[in-house]
Amino acid sequence: MIPVHAESLGVKVVFDPAKALKGKDVIMILRIQIERQSGMLFPGTREYSAFFGLNEDLMKGANKEAIIMHPGPINRGVEITNKVADGPYSVILDQVTNGVAIRMALLYLLMGGGKDDHLD
């Protein structure tokens, strides 16, 4: 599901999750929108989880203090195991909580807020 020319955008494409996580400080998991997938491009959820799901074994390769992020909602057992999602290095709940305020602030600024605000 990686775009063909992804590396031309300045990213390094790695297909092995263990190699991708090796020594990393921050691990950002994205939500798979299963409801939007066609059967041709996406394997079953069990297969996806087995090959790409974040689990305890994969976390062993990351830095010991690595934080785990996910914008939510989580497809538990597919993108990430419960043990990792609820573990001590997960900042997922904080990220979800703060995400609402961040989006509100960005929308405010994009709509021109802040330019003419005065303290009278």
PDB file of N, CA and C in Angstrom:
ATOM      1  N   MET A   1       0.807  -1.189   0.000  1.00  0.00           N
ATOM      2  CA  MET A   1       0.000   0.000   0.000  1.00  0.00           C
ATOM      3  C   MET A   1       0.857   1.262   0.000  1.00  0.00           C
ATOM      4  N   ILE A   2       2.166   1.107  -0.140  1.00  0.00           N
ATOM      5  CA  ILE A   2       3.075   2.261  -0.210  1.00  0.00           C
ATOM      6  C   ILE A   2       3.036   2.820  -1.634  1.00  0.00           C
ATOM      7  N   PRO A   3       2.888   4.134  -1.776  1.00  0.00           N
ATOM      8  CA  PRO A   3       2.936   4.709  -3.124  1.00  0.00           C
ATOM      9  C   PRO A   3       4.258   4.365  -3.806  1.00  0.00           C
ATOM     10  N   VAL A   4       4.213   4.154  -5.103  1.00  0.00           N
ATOM     11  CA  VAL A   4       5.383   3.726  -5.873  1.00  0.00           C
ATOM     12  C   VAL A   4       6.565   4.673  -5.716  1.00  0.00           C
ATOM     13  N   HIS A   5       6.313   5.960  -5.710  1.00  0.00           N
ATOM     14  CA  HIS A   5       7.397   6.942  -5.656  1.00  0.00           C
ATOM     15  C   HIS A   5       7.547   7.574  -4.274  1.00  0.00           C
ATOM     16  N   ALA A   6       7.251   6.852  -3.230  1.00  0.00           N
ATOM     17  CA  ALA A   6       7.303   7.400  -1.873  1.00  0.00           C
ATOM     18  C   ALA A   6       8.689   7.935  -1.523  1.00  0.00           C
ATOM     19  N   GLU A   7       9.731   7.254  -1.951  1.00  0.00           N
ATOM     20  CA  GLU A   7      11.083   7.687  -1.606  1.00  0.00           C
ATOM     21  C   GLU A   7      11.438   9.028  -2.245  1.00  0.00           C
ATOM     22  N   SER A   8      10.766   9.391  -3.329  1.00  0.00           N
ATOM     23  CA  SER A   8      11.027  10.687  -3.950  1.00  0.00           C
ATOM     24  C   SER A   8      10.522  11.828  -3.066  1.00  0.00           C
ATOM     25  N   LEU A   9       9.728  11.497  -2.047  1.00  0.00           N
ATOM     26  CA  LEU A   9       9.225  12.499  -1.103  1.00  0.00           C
ATOM     27  C   LEU A   9      10.156  12.682   0.092  1.00  0.00           C
ATOM     28  N   GLY A  10      11.304  12.009   0.061  1.00  0.00           N
ATOM     29  CA  GLY A  10      12.290  12.170   1.123  1.00  0.00           C
ATOM     30  C   GLY A  10      12.151  11.202   2.278  1.00  0.00           C
ATOM     31  N   VAL A  11      11.420  10.119   2.082  1.00  0.00           N
ATOM     32  CA  VAL A  11      11.286   9.111   3.129  1.00  0.00           C
ATOM     33  C   VAL A  11      12.038   7.853   2.727  1.00  0.00           C
ATOM     34  N   LYS A  12      12.426   7.102   3.713  1.00  0.00           N
ATOM     35  CA  LYS A  12      13.064   5.816   3.461  1.00  0.00           C
ATOM     36  C   LYS A  12      12.011   4.736   3.677  1.00  0.00           C
ATOM     37  N   VAL A  13      11.784   3.930   2.671  1.00  0.00           N
ATOM     38  CA  VAL A  13      10.791   2.864   2.754  1.00  0.00           C
ATOM     39  C   VAL A  13      11.461   1.597   3.255  1.00  0.00           C
ATOM     40  N   VAL A  14      10.909   1.045   4.335  1.00  0.00           N
ATOM     41  CA  VAL A  14      11.419  -0.189   4.921  1.00  0.00           C
ATOM     42  C   VAL A  14      10.239  -1.144   5.056  1.00  0.00           C
ATOM     43  N   PHE A  15      10.366  -2.334   4.532  1.00  0.00           N
ATOM     44  CA  PHE A  15       9.257  -3.276   4.539  1.00  0.00           C
ATOM     45  C   PHE A  15       9.287  -4.245   5.714  1.00  0.00           C
ATOM     46  N   ASP A  16      10.385  -4.285   6.434  1.00  0.00           N
ATOM     47  CA  ASP A  16      10.523  -5.177   7.586  1.00  0.00           C
ATOM     48  C   ASP A  16      10.296  -4.367   8.864  1.00  0.00           C
ATOM     49  N   PRO A  17       9.187  -4.605   9.580  1.00  0.00           N
ATOM     50  CA  PRO A  17       8.911  -3.825  10.793  1.00  0.00           C
ATOM     51  C   PRO A  17      10.032  -3.875  11.828  1.00  0.00           C
ATOM     52  N   ALA A  18      10.690  -5.011  11.982  1.00  0.00           N
ATOM     53  CA  ALA A  18      11.775  -5.117  12.965  1.00  0.00           C
ATOM     54  C   ALA A  18      12.911  -4.160  12.615  1.00  0.00           C
ATOM     55  N   LYS A  19      13.252  -4.068  11.339  1.00  0.00           N
ATOM     56  CA  LYS A  19      14.295  -3.132  10.907  1.00  0.00           C
ATOM     57  C   LYS A  19      13.830  -1.690  11.073  1.00  0.00           C
ATOM     58  N   ALA A  20      12.567  -1.434  10.784  1.00  0.00           N
ATOM     59  CA  ALA A  20      12.029  -0.075  10.890  1.00  0.00           C
ATOM     60  C   ALA A  20      12.045   0.423  12.335  1.00  0.00           C
ATOM     61  N   LEU A  21      11.831  -0.471  13.295  1.00  0.00           N
ATOM     62  CA  LEU A  21      11.761  -0.075  14.701  1.00  0.00           C
ATOM     63  C   LEU A  21      13.111  -0.038  15.405  1.00  0.00           C
ATOM     64  N   LYS A  22      14.113  -0.657  14.812  1.00  0.00           N
ATOM     65  CA  LYS A  22      15.412  -0.786  15.473  1.00  0.00           C
ATOM     66  C   LYS A  22      15.966   0.569  15.916  1.00  0.00           C
ATOM     67  N   GLY A  23      16.113   0.720  17.236  1.00  0.00           N
ATOM     68  CA  GLY A  23      16.717   1.909  17.815  1.00  0.00           C
ATOM     69  C   GLY A  23      15.863   3.161  17.806  1.00  0.00           C
ATOM     70  N   LYS A  24      14.601   3.043  17.503  1.00  0.00           N
ATOM     71  CA  LYS A  24      13.746   4.235  17.393  1.00  0.00           C
ATOM     72  C   LYS A  24      13.272   4.726  18.762  1.00  0.00           C
ATOM     73  N   ASP A  25      13.094   6.059  18.850  1.00  0.00           N
ATOM     74  CA  ASP A  25      12.629   6.704  20.075  1.00  0.00           C
ATOM     75  C   ASP A  25      11.114   6.904  20.083  1.00  0.00           C
ATOM     76  N   VAL A  26      10.535   7.071  18.895  1.00  0.00           N
ATOM     77  CA  VAL A  26       9.094   7.307  18.766  1.00  0.00           C
ATOM     78  C   VAL A  26       8.549   6.367  17.704  1.00  0.00           C
ATOM     79  N   ILE A  27       7.472   5.705  18.036  1.00  0.00           N
ATOM     80  CA  ILE A  27       6.824   4.796  17.097  1.00  0.00           C
ATOM     81  C   ILE A  27       5.392   5.280  16.908  1.00  0.00           C
ATOM     82  N   MET A  28       5.081   5.669  15.692  1.00  0.00           N
ATOM     83  CA  MET A  28       3.756   6.193  15.360  1.00  0.00           C
ATOM     84  C   MET A  28       3.022   5.152  14.526  1.00  0.00           C
ATOM     85  N   ILE A  29       1.959   4.636  15.078  1.00  0.00           N
ATOM     86  CA  ILE A  29       1.124   3.673  14.374  1.00  0.00           C
ATOM     87  C   ILE A  29      -0.071   4.437  13.816  1.00  0.00           C
ATOM     88  N   LEU A  30      -0.448   4.138  12.596  1.00  0.00           N
ATOM     89  CA  LEU A  30      -1.616   4.770  12.014  1.00  0.00           C
ATOM     90  C   LEU A  30      -2.780   3.790  11.978  1.00  0.00           C
ATOM     91  N   ARG A  31      -3.968   4.324  12.025  1.00  0.00           N
ATOM     92  CA  ARG A  31      -5.170   3.505  11.987  1.00  0.00           C
ATOM     93  C   ARG A  31      -5.403   3.003  10.574  1.00  0.00           C
ATOM     94  N   ILE A  32      -5.678   1.721  10.473  1.00  0.00           N
ATOM     95  CA  ILE A  32      -6.058   1.144   9.197  1.00  0.00           C
ATOM     96  C   ILE A  32      -7.561   1.285   9.070  1.00  0.00           C
ATOM     97  N   GLN A  33      -7.995   1.947   8.047  1.00  0.00           N
ATOM     98  CA  GLN A  33      -9.424   2.119   7.833  1.00  0.00           C
ATOM     99  C   GLN A  33      -9.942   0.910   7.051  1.00  0.00           C
ATOM    100  N   ILE A  34     -10.156  -0.143   7.802  1.00  0.00           N
ATOM    101  CA  ILE A  34     -10.553  -1.422   7.215  1.00  0.00           C
ATOM    102  C   ILE A  34     -11.818  -1.259   6.373  1.00  0.00           C
ATOM    103  N   GLU A  35     -12.714  -0.413   6.827  1.00  0.00           N
ATOM    104  CA  GLU A  35     -13.972  -0.220   6.110  1.00  0.00           C
ATOM    105  C   GLU A  35     -13.782   0.389   4.723  1.00  0.00           C
ATOM    106  N   ARG A  36     -12.619   0.988   4.476  1.00  0.00           N
ATOM    107  CA  ARG A  36     -12.351   1.612   3.178  1.00  0.00           C
ATOM    108  C   ARG A  36     -11.464   0.767   2.274  1.00  0.00           C
ATOM    109  N   GLN A  37     -11.059  -0.384   2.744  1.00  0.00           N
ATOM    110  CA  GLN A  37     -10.151  -1.228   1.975  1.00  0.00           C
ATOM    111  C   GLN A  37     -10.920  -2.163   1.059  1.00  0.00           C
ATOM    112  N   SER A  38     -10.329  -2.406  -0.099  1.00  0.00           N
ATOM    113  CA  SER A  38     -10.893  -3.437  -0.960  1.00  0.00           C
ATOM    114  C   SER A  38     -10.096  -4.706  -0.713  1.00  0.00           C
ATOM    115  N   GLY A  39     -10.704  -5.815  -0.946  1.00  0.00           N
ATOM    116  CA  GLY A  39     -10.049  -7.092  -0.708  1.00  0.00           C
ATOM    117  C   GLY A  39      -8.805  -7.314  -1.535  1.00  0.00           C
ATOM    118  N   MET A  40      -8.660  -6.583  -2.627  1.00  0.00           N
ATOM    119  CA  MET A  40      -7.518  -6.807  -3.510  1.00  0.00           C
ATOM    120  C   MET A  40      -6.215  -6.246  -2.939  1.00  0.00           C
ATOM    121  N   LEU A  41      -6.289  -5.124  -2.242  1.00  0.00           N
ATOM    122  CA  LEU A  41      -5.070  -4.475  -1.763  1.00  0.00           C
ATOM    123  C   LEU A  41      -4.689  -4.856  -0.344  1.00  0.00           C
ATOM    124  N   PHE A  42      -5.628  -5.308   0.414  1.00  0.00           N
ATOM    125  CA  PHE A  42      -5.409  -5.496   1.836  1.00  0.00           C
ATOM    126  C   PHE A  42      -5.585  -6.966   2.214  1.00  0.00           C
ATOM    127  N   PRO A  43      -4.591  -7.523   2.924  1.00  0.00           N
ATOM    128  CA  PRO A  43      -4.765  -8.898   3.388  1.00  0.00           C
ATOM    129  C   PRO A  43      -5.804  -8.945   4.510  1.00  0.00           C
ATOM    130  N   GLY A  44      -6.123 -10.104   4.976  1.00  0.00           N
ATOM    131  CA  GLY A  44      -7.021 -10.207   6.119  1.00  0.00           C
ATOM    132  C   GLY A  44      -6.386  -9.573   7.340  1.00  0.00           C
ATOM    133  N   THR A  45      -7.206  -9.249   8.332  1.00  0.00           N
ATOM    134  CA  THR A  45      -6.679  -8.589   9.525  1.00  0.00           C
ATOM    135  C   THR A  45      -5.707  -9.483  10.293  1.00  0.00           C
ATOM    136  N   ARG A  46      -5.941 -10.772  10.306  1.00  0.00           N
ATOM    137  CA  ARG A  46      -4.994 -11.687  10.984  1.00  0.00           C
ATOM    138  C   ARG A  46      -3.638 -11.665  10.303  1.00  0.00           C
ATOM    139  N   GLU A  47      -3.666 -11.705   8.971  1.00  0.00           N
ATOM    140  CA  GLU A  47      -2.406 -11.682   8.221  1.00  0.00           C
ATOM    141  C   GLU A  47      -1.684 -10.350   8.435  1.00  0.00           C
ATOM    142  N   TYR A  48      -2.427  -9.257   8.373  1.00  0.00           N
ATOM    143  CA  TYR A  48      -1.817  -7.937   8.600  1.00  0.00           C
ATOM    144  C   TYR A  48      -1.170  -7.887   9.979  1.00  0.00           C
ATOM    145  N   SER A  49      -1.918  -8.322  10.992  1.00  0.00           N
ATOM    146  CA  SER A  49      -1.406  -8.300  12.359  1.00  0.00           C
ATOM    147  C   SER A  49      -0.144  -9.143  12.495  1.00  0.00           C
ATOM    148  N   ALA A  50      -0.141 -10.302  11.872  1.00  0.00           N
ATOM    149  CA  ALA A  50       1.018 -11.198  11.967  1.00  0.00           C
ATOM    150  C   ALA A  50       2.271 -10.587  11.341  1.00  0.00           C
ATOM    151  N   PHE A  51       2.106  -9.864  10.236  1.00  0.00           N
ATOM    152  CA  PHE A  51       3.260  -9.302   9.539  1.00  0.00           C
ATOM    153  C   PHE A  51       3.625  -7.888   9.975  1.00  0.00           C
ATOM    154  N   PHE A  52       2.640  -7.081  10.323  1.00  0.00           N
ATOM    155  CA  PHE A  52       2.892  -5.657  10.552  1.00  0.00           C
ATOM    156  C   PHE A  52       2.403  -5.114  11.886  1.00  0.00           C
ATOM    157  N   GLY A  53       1.615  -5.871  12.633  1.00  0.00           N
ATOM    158  CA  GLY A  53       1.079  -5.382  13.891  1.00  0.00           C
ATOM    159  C   GLY A  53       2.173  -5.166  14.930  1.00  0.00           C
ATOM    160  N   LEU A  54       2.076  -4.078  15.669  1.00  0.00           N
ATOM    161  CA  LEU A  54       3.063  -3.782  16.711  1.00  0.00           C
ATOM    162  C   LEU A  54       2.772  -4.643  17.930  1.00  0.00           C
ATOM    163  N   ASN A  55       3.782  -5.416  18.331  1.00  0.00           N
ATOM    164  CA  ASN A  55       3.629  -6.322  19.470  1.00  0.00           C
ATOM    165  C   ASN A  55       4.864  -6.248  20.360  1.00  0.00           C
ATOM    166  N   GLU A  56       4.846  -7.005  21.433  1.00  0.00           N
ATOM    167  CA  GLU A  56       5.933  -6.966  22.414  1.00  0.00           C
ATOM    168  C   GLU A  56       7.274  -7.373  21.806  1.00  0.00           C
ATOM    169  N   ASP A  57       7.273  -8.373  20.930  1.00  0.00           N
ATOM    170  CA  ASP A  57       8.530  -8.815  20.321  1.00  0.00           C
ATOM    171  C   ASP A  57       9.156  -7.718  19.461  1.00  0.00           C
ATOM    172  N   LEU A  58       8.344  -7.043  18.672  1.00  0.00           N
ATOM    173  CA  LEU A  58       8.873  -5.949  17.844  1.00  0.00           C
ATOM    174  C   LEU A  58       9.408  -4.814  18.702  1.00  0.00           C
ATOM    175  N   MET A  59       8.742  -4.557  19.831  1.00  0.00           N
ATOM    176  CA  MET A  59       9.167  -3.463  20.707  1.00  0.00           C
ATOM    177  C   MET A  59      10.548  -3.697  21.310  1.00  0.00           C
ATOM    178  N   LYS A  60      10.980  -4.930  21.373  1.00  0.00           N
ATOM    179  CA  LYS A  60      12.309  -5.228  21.930  1.00  0.00           C
ATOM    180  C   LYS A  60      13.428  -4.573  21.131  1.00  0.00           C
ATOM    181  N   GLY A  61      13.186  -4.304  19.842  1.00  0.00           N
ATOM    182  CA  GLY A  61      14.213  -3.685  19.008  1.00  0.00           C
ATOM    183  C   GLY A  61      14.265  -2.173  19.124  1.00  0.00           C
ATOM    184  N   ALA A  62      13.207  -1.572  19.625  1.00  0.00           N
ATOM    185  CA  ALA A  62      13.165  -0.112  19.777  1.00  0.00           C
ATOM    186  C   ALA A  62      13.962   0.290  21.016  1.00  0.00           C
ATOM    187  N   ASN A  63      14.240   1.582  21.143  1.00  0.00           N
ATOM    188  CA  ASN A  63      14.883   2.065  22.367  1.00  0.00           C
ATOM    189  C   ASN A  63      14.013   1.712  23.564  1.00  0.00           C
ATOM    190  N   LYS A  64      14.640   1.462  24.691  1.00  0.00           N
ATOM    191  CA  LYS A  64      13.896   1.032  25.881  1.00  0.00           C
ATOM    192  C   LYS A  64      12.908   2.076  26.380  1.00  0.00           C
ATOM    193  N   GLU A  65      13.168   3.351  26.112  1.00  0.00           N
ATOM    194  CA  GLU A  65      12.287   4.438  26.550  1.00  0.00           C
ATOM    195  C   GLU A  65      11.399   4.948  25.419  1.00  0.00           C
ATOM    196  N   ALA A  66      11.303   4.209  24.328  1.00  0.00           N
ATOM    197  CA  ALA A  66      10.521   4.656  23.166  1.00  0.00           C
ATOM    198  C   ALA A  66       9.069   4.896  23.551  1.00  0.00           C
ATOM    199  N   ILE A  67       8.486   5.942  22.970  1.00  0.00           N
ATOM    200  CA  ILE A  67       7.063   6.182  23.196  1.00  0.00           C
ATOM    201  C   ILE A  67       6.279   5.660  21.986  1.00  0.00           C
ATOM    202  N   ILE A  68       5.059   5.258  22.257  1.00  0.00           N
ATOM    203  CA  ILE A  68       4.195   4.700  21.227  1.00  0.00           C
ATOM    204  C   ILE A  68       3.017   5.639  21.040  1.00  0.00           C
ATOM    205  N   MET A  69       2.799   6.032  19.787  1.00  0.00           N
ATOM    206  CA  MET A  69       1.729   6.964  19.462  1.00  0.00           C
ATOM    207  C   MET A  69       0.750   6.319  18.481  1.00  0.00           C
ATOM    208  N   HIS A  70      -0.486   6.786  18.514  1.00  0.00           N
ATOM    209  CA  HIS A  70      -1.543   6.354  17.599  1.00  0.00           C
ATOM    210  C   HIS A  70      -2.658   7.388  17.708  1.00  0.00           C
ATOM    211  N   PRO A  71      -3.154   7.896  16.581  1.00  0.00           N
ATOM    212  CA  PRO A  71      -4.164   8.950  16.655  1.00  0.00           C
ATOM    213  C   PRO A  71      -5.544   8.464  17.089  1.00  0.00           C
ATOM    214  N   GLY A  72      -5.761   7.160  17.092  1.00  0.00           N
ATOM    215  CA  GLY A  72      -7.045   6.601  17.473  1.00  0.00           C
ATOM    216  C   GLY A  72      -8.078   6.774  16.379  1.00  0.00           C
ATOM    217  N   PRO A  73      -9.140   6.073  16.438  1.00  0.00           N
ATOM    218  CA  PRO A  73      -9.341   4.915  17.314  1.00  0.00           C
ATOM    219  C   PRO A  73      -8.482   3.741  16.851  1.00  0.00           C
ATOM    220  N   ILE A  74      -8.155   2.894  17.786  1.00  0.00           N
ATOM    221  CA  ILE A  74      -7.272   1.753  17.528  1.00  0.00           C
ATOM    222  C   ILE A  74      -8.089   0.544  17.090  1.00  0.00           C
ATOM    223  N   ASN A  75      -7.580  -0.164  16.106  1.00  0.00           N
ATOM    224  CA  ASN A  75      -8.087  -1.496  15.785  1.00  0.00           C
ATOM    225  C   ASN A  75      -7.224  -2.455  16.603  1.00  0.00           C
ATOM    226  N   ARG A  76      -7.646  -2.687  17.823  1.00  0.00           N
ATOM    227  CA  ARG A  76      -6.846  -3.506  18.740  1.00  0.00           C
ATOM    228  C   ARG A  76      -6.693  -4.925  18.203  1.00  0.00           C
ATOM    229  N   GLY A  77      -5.482  -5.423  18.324  1.00  0.00           N
ATOM    230  CA  GLY A  77      -5.194  -6.759  17.834  1.00  0.00           C
ATOM    231  C   GLY A  77      -4.887  -6.798  16.347  1.00  0.00           C
ATOM    232  N   VAL A  78      -4.989  -5.657  15.687  1.00  0.00           N
ATOM    233  CA  VAL A  78      -4.649  -5.577  14.265  1.00  0.00           C
ATOM    234  C   VAL A  78      -3.397  -4.718  14.117  1.00  0.00           C
ATOM    235  N   GLU A  79      -3.506  -3.426  14.379  1.00  0.00           N
ATOM    236  CA  GLU A  79      -2.360  -2.520  14.266  1.00  0.00           C
ATOM    237  C   GLU A  79      -1.417  -2.661  15.455  1.00  0.00           C
ATOM    238  N   ILE A  80      -1.974  -2.978  16.593  1.00  0.00           N
ATOM    239  CA  ILE A  80      -1.208  -2.980  17.835  1.00  0.00           C
ATOM    240  C   ILE A  80      -1.893  -3.907  18.837  1.00  0.00           C
ATOM    241  N   THR A  81      -1.093  -4.605  19.615  1.00  0.00           N
ATOM    242  CA  THR A  81      -1.674  -5.490  20.628  1.00  0.00           C
ATOM    243  C   THR A  81      -2.144  -4.668  21.825  1.00  0.00           C
ATOM    244  N   ASN A  82      -3.062  -5.231  22.583  1.00  0.00           N
ATOM    245  CA  ASN A  82      -3.553  -4.552  23.791  1.00  0.00           C
ATOM    246  C   ASN A  82      -2.417  -4.265  24.759  1.00  0.00           C
ATOM    247  N   LYS A  83      -1.529  -5.232  24.918  1.00  0.00           N
ATOM    248  CA  LYS A  83      -0.436  -5.091  25.882  1.00  0.00           C
ATOM    249  C   LYS A  83       0.458  -3.892  25.547  1.00  0.00           C
ATOM    250  N   VAL A  84       0.726  -3.683  24.275  1.00  0.00           N
ATOM    251  CA  VAL A  84       1.552  -2.548  23.862  1.00  0.00           C
ATOM    252  C   VAL A  84       0.749  -1.249  23.938  1.00  0.00           C
ATOM    253  N   ALA A  85      -0.492  -1.277  23.460  1.00  0.00           N
ATOM    254  CA  ALA A  85      -1.331  -0.067  23.465  1.00  0.00           C
ATOM    255  C   ALA A  85      -1.574   0.455  24.874  1.00  0.00           C
ATOM    256  N   ASP A  86      -1.677  -0.453  25.834  1.00  0.00           N
ATOM    257  CA  ASP A  86      -1.954  -0.063  27.218  1.00  0.00           C
ATOM    258  C   ASP A  86      -0.707  -0.068  28.085  1.00  0.00           C
ATOM    259  N   GLY A  87       0.459  -0.267  27.475  1.00  0.00           N
ATOM    260  CA  GLY A  87       1.708  -0.385  28.221  1.00  0.00           C
ATOM    261  C   GLY A  87       2.242   0.948  28.721  1.00  0.00           C
ATOM    262  N   PRO A  88       3.337   0.884  29.459  1.00  0.00           N
ATOM    263  CA  PRO A  88       3.883   2.071  30.125  1.00  0.00           C
ATOM    264  C   PRO A  88       4.435   3.145  29.184  1.00  0.00           C
ATOM    265  N   TYR A  89       4.757   2.800  27.952  1.00  0.00           N
ATOM    266  CA  TYR A  89       5.341   3.784  27.043  1.00  0.00           C
ATOM    267  C   TYR A  89       4.331   4.320  26.033  1.00  0.00           C
ATOM    268  N   SER A  90       3.092   3.900  26.176  1.00  0.00           N
ATOM    269  CA  SER A  90       2.039   4.377  25.289  1.00  0.00           C
ATOM    270  C   SER A  90       1.594   5.771  25.715  1.00  0.00           C
ATOM    271  N   VAL A  91       1.549   6.690  24.755  1.00  0.00           N
ATOM    272  CA  VAL A  91       1.026   8.030  25.001  1.00  0.00           C
ATOM    273  C   VAL A  91      -0.238   8.244  24.152  1.00  0.00           C
ATOM    274  N   ILE A  92      -0.857   7.142  23.788  1.00  0.00           N
ATOM    275  CA  ILE A  92      -2.001   7.175  22.880  1.00  0.00           C
ATOM    276  C   ILE A  92      -3.165   7.976  23.459  1.00  0.00           C
ATOM    277  N   LEU A  93      -3.522   7.743  24.709  1.00  0.00           N
ATOM    278  CA  LEU A  93      -4.654   8.465  25.288  1.00  0.00           C
ATOM    279  C   LEU A  93      -4.375   9.962  25.364  1.00  0.00           C
ATOM    280  N   ASP A  94      -3.140  10.337  25.712  1.00  0.00           N
ATOM    281  CA  ASP A  94      -2.761  11.755  25.731  1.00  0.00           C
ATOM    282  C   ASP A  94      -2.840  12.348  24.327  1.00  0.00           C
ATOM    283  N   GLN A  95      -2.365  11.602  23.349  1.00  0.00           N
ATOM    284  CA  GLN A  95      -2.376  12.068  21.968  1.00  0.00           C
ATOM    285  C   GLN A  95      -3.806  12.294  21.482  1.00  0.00           C
ATOM    286  N   VAL A  96      -4.693  11.360  21.774  1.00  0.00           N
ATOM    287  CA  VAL A  96      -6.090  11.492  21.353  1.00  0.00           C
ATOM    288  C   VAL A  96      -6.725  12.701  22.036  1.00  0.00           C
ATOM    289  N   THR A  97      -6.505  12.850  23.337  1.00  0.00           N
ATOM    290  CA  THR A  97      -7.063  13.976  24.085  1.00  0.00           C
ATOM    291  C   THR A  97      -6.555  15.307  23.543  1.00  0.00           C
ATOM    292  N   ASN A  98      -5.260  15.413  23.352  1.00  0.00           N
ATOM    293  CA  ASN A  98      -4.669  16.663  22.876  1.00  0.00           C
ATOM    294  C   ASN A  98      -4.978  16.935  21.409  1.00  0.00           C
ATOM    295  N   GLY A  99      -5.250  15.889  20.649  1.00  0.00           N
ATOM    296  CA  GLY A  99      -5.523  16.049  19.227  1.00  0.00           C
ATOM    297  C   GLY A  99      -6.720  16.933  18.950  1.00  0.00           C
ATOM    298  N   VAL A 100      -7.742  16.855  19.778  1.00  0.00           N
ATOM    299  CA  VAL A 100      -8.937  17.686  19.586  1.00  0.00           C
ATOM    300  C   VAL A 100      -8.574  19.158  19.750  1.00  0.00           C
ATOM    301  N   ALA A 101      -7.851  19.492  20.806  1.00  0.00           N
ATOM    302  CA  ALA A 101      -7.465  20.890  21.046  1.00  0.00           C
ATOM    303  C   ALA A 101      -6.539  21.399  19.943  1.00  0.00           C
ATOM    304  N   ILE A 102      -5.635  20.580  19.488  1.00  0.00           N
ATOM    305  CA  ILE A 102      -4.711  20.985  18.424  1.00  0.00           C
ATOM    306  C   ILE A 102      -5.477  21.267  17.132  1.00  0.00           C
ATOM    307  N   ARG A 103      -6.397  20.375  16.775  1.00  0.00           N
ATOM    308  CA  ARG A 103      -7.185  20.595  15.555  1.00  0.00           C
ATOM    309  C   ARG A 103      -8.032  21.859  15.662  1.00  0.00           C
ATOM    310  N   MET A 104      -8.602  22.104  16.832  1.00  0.00           N
ATOM    311  CA  MET A 104      -9.393  23.325  17.027  1.00  0.00           C
ATOM    312  C   MET A 104      -8.515  24.566  16.859  1.00  0.00           C
ATOM    313  N   ALA A 105      -7.329  24.544  17.430  1.00  0.00           N
ATOM    314  CA  ALA A 105      -6.421  25.688  17.338  1.00  0.00           C
ATOM    315  C   ALA A 105      -5.980  25.916  15.899  1.00  0.00           C
ATOM    316  N   LEU A 106      -5.674  24.849  15.182  1.00  0.00           N
ATOM    317  CA  LEU A 106      -5.265  24.986  13.785  1.00  0.00           C
ATOM    318  C   LEU A 106      -6.395  25.554  12.925  1.00  0.00           C
ATOM    319  N   LEU A 107      -7.599  25.063  13.128  1.00  0.00           N
ATOM    320  CA  LEU A 107      -8.740  25.588  12.378  1.00  0.00           C
ATOM    321  C   LEU A 107      -8.954  27.075  12.680  1.00  0.00           C
ATOM    322  N   TYR A 108      -8.815  27.445  13.937  1.00  0.00           N
ATOM    323  CA  TYR A 108      -8.950  28.844  14.339  1.00  0.00           C
ATOM    324  C   TYR A 108      -7.926  29.720  13.604  1.00  0.00           C
ATOM    325  N   LEU A 109      -6.671  29.260  13.584  1.00  0.00           N
ATOM    326  CA  LEU A 109      -5.620  30.027  12.922  1.00  0.00           C
ATOM    327  C   LEU A 109      -5.821  30.059  11.406  1.00  0.00           C
ATOM    328  N   LEU A 110      -6.223  28.946  10.824  1.00  0.00           N
ATOM    329  CA  LEU A 110      -6.444  28.893   9.382  1.00  0.00           C
ATOM    330  C   LEU A 110      -7.599  29.788   8.939  1.00  0.00           C
ATOM    331  N   MET A 111      -8.544  30.008   9.827  1.00  0.00           N
ATOM    332  CA  MET A 111      -9.681  30.869   9.508  1.00  0.00           C
ATOM    333  C   MET A 111      -9.375  32.336   9.812  1.00  0.00           C
ATOM    334  N   GLY A 112      -8.117  32.627  10.129  1.00  0.00           N
ATOM    335  CA  GLY A 112      -7.718  34.016  10.351  1.00  0.00           C
ATOM    336  C   GLY A 112      -7.750  34.448  11.794  1.00  0.00           C
ATOM    337  N   GLY A 113      -8.030  33.556  12.692  1.00  0.00           N
ATOM    338  CA  GLY A 113      -8.056  33.904  14.105  1.00  0.00           C
ATOM    339  C   GLY A 113      -6.687  34.333  14.588  1.00  0.00           C
ATOM    340  N   GLY A 114      -6.672  35.278  15.496  1.00  0.00           N
ATOM    341  CA  GLY A 114      -5.414  35.721  16.086  1.00  0.00           C
ATOM    342  C   GLY A 114      -4.829  36.954  15.433  1.00  0.00           C
ATOM    343  N   LYS A 115      -5.162  37.212  14.167  1.00  0.00           N
ATOM    344  CA  LYS A 115      -4.604  38.372  13.464  1.00  0.00           C
ATOM    345  C   LYS A 115      -5.017  39.684  14.092  1.00  0.00           C
ATOM    346  N   ASP A 116      -6.309  39.856  14.313  1.00  0.00           N
ATOM    347  CA  ASP A 116      -6.827  41.130  14.795  1.00  0.00           C
ATOM    348  C   ASP A 116      -7.291  41.068  16.232  1.00  0.00           C
ATOM    349  N   ASP A 117      -6.910  40.017  16.932  1.00  0.00           N
ATOM    350  CA  ASP A 117      -7.306  39.902  18.337  1.00  0.00           C
ATOM    351  C   ASP A 117      -6.534  40.938  19.144  1.00  0.00           C
ATOM    352  N   HIS A 118      -7.263  41.700  19.946  1.00  0.00           N
ATOM    353  CA  HIS A 118      -6.632  42.720  20.782  1.00  0.00           C
ATOM    354  C   HIS A 118      -7.080  42.537  22.221  1.00  0.00           C
ATOM    355  N   LEU A 119      -6.189  42.866  23.095  1.00  0.00           N
ATOM    356  CA  LEU A 119      -6.545  42.909  24.501  1.00  0.00           C
ATOM    357  C   LEU A 119      -6.954  44.340  24.819  1.00  0.00           C
ATOM    358  N   ASP A 120      -8.231  44.586  24.967  1.00  0.00           N
ATOM    359  CA  ASP A 120      -8.714  45.946  25.238  1.00  0.00           C
ATOM    360  C   ASP A 120      -8.885  46.201  26.695  1.00  0.00           C
TER     361      ASP A 120
END
